[in-house]
Amino acid sequence: MTVDAIEDQVAGSLLRSARLRLGLSQTAFADVLGIAQPTLSAYESGRRQPTLPTLLRMLNRAGLELRLELVERDDHDQVLAEWESTLDDATRQRLRSQGYRLVSDPA
């Protein structure tokens, strides 16, 4: 799946998740949001994307809010790769035999 395809699904997934969380049908949720049911369906399926202000307004009407948080980048994979580069071949083989998948192993 491409980044563009993922971006096209984010708002719709959030709206669908909100609707299911509230236990509402598309028709009932569209009424709460103040939009037509076909519009909600288009959002949920990714055929249309609301703007961020529109998404926030709709979630607010449903009594929900979207919280975003900026955090430091997770460099866990890089730390593991650096640690793994210090291992000798025997240690790598022992770890693999115990079921560990190393960063350098093919996915």
Foldseek 3Di string as FASTA:
>chain_A
DDPVQVVLQVLLVVLVVLCVVVPHDLCVLCVLQVHHSVVNVCSNVSVDPDDPVSSQSSCVSSVHGDDDDDDPDDPPLVVQVVVVVPDDPVVVVVCVVVPDDGSPHDD
